[in-house]
C-alpha atoms as a PDB file:
ATOM      1  CA  UNK A   1    -141.887 147.354 -47.141  1.00  0.00           C
ATOM      2  CA  UNK A   2    -141.783 145.822 -43.679  1.00  0.00           C
ATOM      3  CA  UNK A   3    -140.090 147.982 -41.019  1.00  0.00           C
ATOM      4  CA  UNK A   4    -139.391 148.115 -37.307  1.00  0.00           C
ATOM      5  CA  UNK A   5    -139.254 151.459 -35.529  1.00  0.00           C
ATOM      6  CA  UNK A   6    -137.903 152.358 -32.100  1.00  0.00           C
ATOM      7  CA  UNK A   7    -137.921 156.125 -31.471  1.00  0.00           C
ATOM      8  CA  UNK A   8    -135.631 157.627 -34.186  1.00  0.00           C
ATOM      9  CA  UNK A   9    -134.352 154.209 -35.288  1.00  0.00           C
ATOM     10  CA  UNK A  10    -135.961 152.546 -38.313  1.00  0.00           C
ATOM     11  CA  UNK A  11    -134.960 149.116 -39.597  1.00  0.00           C
ATOM     12  CA  UNK A  12    -135.919 147.657 -42.975  1.00  0.00           C
ATOM     13  CA  UNK A  13    -135.311 143.891 -42.719  1.00  0.00           C
ATOM     14  CA  UNK A  14    -135.882 143.100 -46.395  1.00  0.00           C
ATOM     15  CA  UNK A  15    -133.199 145.503 -47.603  1.00  0.00           C
ATOM     16  CA  UNK A  16    -130.864 145.133 -44.587  1.00  0.00           C
ATOM     17  CA  UNK A  17    -130.913 148.880 -43.965  1.00  0.00           C
ATOM     18  CA  UNK A  18    -131.102 150.824 -40.714  1.00  0.00           C
ATOM     19  CA  UNK A  19    -131.495 154.558 -40.155  1.00  0.00           C
ATOM     20  CA  UNK A  20    -131.303 156.944 -37.233  1.00  0.00           C
ATOM     21  CA  UNK A  21    -133.567 159.698 -38.468  1.00  0.00           C
ATOM     22  CA  UNK A  22    -132.434 160.236 -42.065  1.00  0.00           C
ATOM     23  CA  UNK A  23    -128.882 158.988 -41.429  1.00  0.00           C
ATOM     24  CA  UNK A  24    -128.175 155.497 -42.759  1.00  0.00           C
ATOM     25  CA  UNK A  25    -126.103 153.312 -40.431  1.00  0.00           C
ATOM     26  CA  UNK A  26    -123.442 151.131 -42.030  1.00  0.00           C
ATOM     27  CA  UNK A  27    -123.679 147.770 -40.283  1.00  0.00           C
ATOM     28  CA  UNK A  28    -122.147 144.369 -40.836  1.00  0.00           C
ATOM     29  CA  UNK A  29    -124.580 141.521 -41.415  1.00  0.00           C
ATOM     30  CA  UNK A  30    -124.159 140.276 -37.836  1.00  0.00           C
ATOM     31  CA  UNK A  31    -124.597 143.785 -36.392  1.00  0.00           C
ATOM     32  CA  UNK A  32    -127.750 144.264 -38.459  1.00  0.00           C
ATOM     33  CA  UNK A  33    -129.214 140.915 -37.414  1.00  0.00           C
ATOM     34  CA  UNK A  34    -128.484 141.580 -33.728  1.00  0.00           C
ATOM     35  CA  UNK A  35    -130.041 145.048 -33.938  1.00  0.00           C
ATOM     36  CA  UNK A  36    -133.087 143.670 -35.734  1.00  0.00           C
ATOM     37  CA  UNK A  37    -133.493 140.969 -33.081  1.00  0.00           C
ATOM     38  CA  UNK A  38    -133.215 143.476 -30.236  1.00  0.00           C
ATOM     39  CA  UNK A  39    -135.630 145.961 -31.803  1.00  0.00           C
ATOM     40  CA  UNK A  40    -138.138 143.271 -32.746  1.00  0.00           C
ATOM     41  CA  UNK A  41    -138.105 142.296 -29.039  1.00  0.00           C
ATOM     42  CA  UNK A  42    -138.027 145.899 -27.766  1.00  0.00           C
ATOM     43  CA  UNK A  43    -138.802 146.269 -24.086  1.00  0.00           C
ATOM     44  CA  UNK A  44    -137.921 142.638 -23.354  1.00  0.00           C
ATOM     45  CA  UNK A  45    -134.679 141.445 -21.820  1.00  0.00           C
ATOM     46  CA  UNK A  46    -132.942 138.930 -24.080  1.00  0.00           C
ATOM     47  CA  UNK A  47    -130.041 136.719 -23.134  1.00  0.00           C
ATOM     48  CA  UNK A  48    -126.729 136.403 -24.949  1.00  0.00           C
ATOM     49  CA  UNK A  49    -127.851 132.911 -25.945  1.00  0.00           C
ATOM     50  CA  UNK A  50    -131.001 134.292 -27.599  1.00  0.00           C
ATOM     51  CA  UNK A  51    -128.907 136.770 -29.577  1.00  0.00           C
ATOM     52  CA  UNK A  52    -126.374 134.084 -30.524  1.00  0.00           C
ATOM     53  CA  UNK A  53    -129.144 131.800 -31.781  1.00  0.00           C
ATOM     54  CA  UNK A  54    -130.740 134.639 -33.780  1.00  0.00           C
ATOM     55  CA  UNK A  55    -127.462 135.852 -35.319  1.00  0.00           C
ATOM     56  CA  UNK A  56    -125.081 132.873 -35.535  1.00  0.00           C
ATOM     57  CA  UNK A  57    -127.518 129.982 -35.177  1.00  0.00           C
ATOM     58  CA  UNK A  58    -127.898 127.271 -32.574  1.00  0.00           C
ATOM     59  CA  UNK A  59    -124.809 125.442 -33.869  1.00  0.00           C
ATOM     60  CA  UNK A  60    -122.488 128.261 -32.678  1.00  0.00           C
ATOM     61  CA  UNK A  61    -119.940 126.849 -30.221  1.00  0.00           C
ATOM     62  CA  UNK A  62    -117.733 129.874 -29.573  1.00  0.00           C
ATOM     63  CA  UNK A  63    -117.468 132.275 -26.667  1.00  0.00           C
ATOM     64  CA  UNK A  64    -120.808 133.885 -25.661  1.00  0.00           C
ATOM     65  CA  UNK A  65    -118.981 137.149 -24.841  1.00  0.00           C
ATOM     66  CA  UNK A  66    -118.838 137.792 -28.598  1.00  0.00           C
ATOM     67  CA  UNK A  67    -122.273 139.353 -28.096  1.00  0.00           C
ATOM     68  CA  UNK A  68    -120.790 141.981 -25.759  1.00  0.00           C
ATOM     69  CA  UNK A  69    -118.335 143.089 -28.450  1.00  0.00           C
ATOM     70  CA  UNK A  70    -121.116 143.189 -31.036  1.00  0.00           C
ATOM     71  CA  UNK A  71    -123.325 145.315 -28.762  1.00  0.00           C
ATOM     72  CA  UNK A  72    -120.433 147.695 -28.062  1.00  0.00           C
ATOM     73  CA  UNK A  73    -119.906 148.244 -31.806  1.00  0.00           C
ATOM     74  CA  UNK A  74    -123.648 148.722 -32.343  1.00  0.00           C
ATOM     75  CA  UNK A  75    -123.844 151.361 -29.622  1.00  0.00           C
ATOM     76  CA  UNK A  76    -120.890 153.236 -31.131  1.00  0.00           C
ATOM     77  CA  UNK A  77    -122.413 153.208 -34.611  1.00  0.00           C
ATOM     78  CA  UNK A  78    -125.845 154.288 -33.384  1.00  0.00           C
ATOM     79  CA  UNK A  79    -124.370 157.224 -31.465  1.00  0.00           C
ATOM     80  CA  UNK A  80    -122.147 158.224 -34.403  1.00  0.00           C
ATOM     81  CA  UNK A  81    -125.128 158.222 -36.783  1.00  0.00           C
ATOM     82  CA  UNK A  82    -127.136 160.564 -34.608  1.00  0.00           C
ATOM     83  CA  UNK A  83    -126.705 164.314 -34.911  1.00  0.00           C
ATOM     84  CA  UNK A  84    -129.260 164.937 -32.161  1.00  0.00           C
ATOM     85  CA  UNK A  85    -130.136 163.368 -28.844  1.00  0.00           C
ATOM     86  CA  UNK A  86    -131.568 159.872 -29.316  1.00  0.00           C
ATOM     87  CA  UNK A  87    -134.431 158.466 -27.301  1.00  0.00           C
ATOM     88  CA  UNK A  88    -133.552 154.786 -27.521  1.00  0.00           C
ATOM     89  CA  UNK A  89    -130.874 152.648 -25.964  1.00  0.00           C
ATOM     90  CA  UNK A  90    -129.470 149.151 -25.879  1.00  0.00           C
ATOM     91  CA  UNK A  91    -129.441 148.650 -22.132  1.00  0.00           C
ATOM     92  CA  UNK A  92    -127.365 146.084 -20.307  1.00  0.00           C
ATOM     93  CA  UNK A  93    -129.499 143.964 -18.000  1.00  0.00           C
ATOM     94  CA  UNK A  94    -126.913 142.654 -15.545  1.00  0.00           C
ATOM     95  CA  UNK A  95    -127.032 138.908 -15.077  1.00  0.00           C
ATOM     96  CA  UNK A  96    -129.453 138.520 -18.003  1.00  0.00           C
ATOM     97  CA  UNK A  97    -128.368 140.175 -21.253  1.00  0.00           C
ATOM     98  CA  UNK A  98    -129.618 143.210 -23.161  1.00  0.00           C
ATOM     99  CA  UNK A  99    -132.780 145.148 -23.897  1.00  0.00           C
ATOM    100  CA  UNK A 100    -133.683 147.679 -26.600  1.00  0.00           C
ATOM    101  CA  UNK A 101    -135.654 150.431 -24.928  1.00  0.00           C
ATOM    102  CA  UNK A 102    -137.099 153.880 -25.473  1.00  0.00           C
ATOM    103  CA  UNK A 103    -136.557 156.530 -22.801  1.00  0.00           C
END
């Protein structure tokens, strides 16, 4: 099965499952798609518009700040799923967007 890995985070796109170590993370469809997009572009800064197009589609006409709320929820869920220190992060790139990174 296809998978994306970033430090302790593993994502299985075909089954819409994500794990931090052995702990499964319960994500909404939009949260999963945003996380998958970020991890599949790990190390690269992506704009809110890129995330919107990947998750909601190019026809989305709402507020772009919806991405900020989505990222906040993702961060909370990733931290809650970890029982040890994690070595990845969804970093805010001020004036640009976000970046999934290993540290």
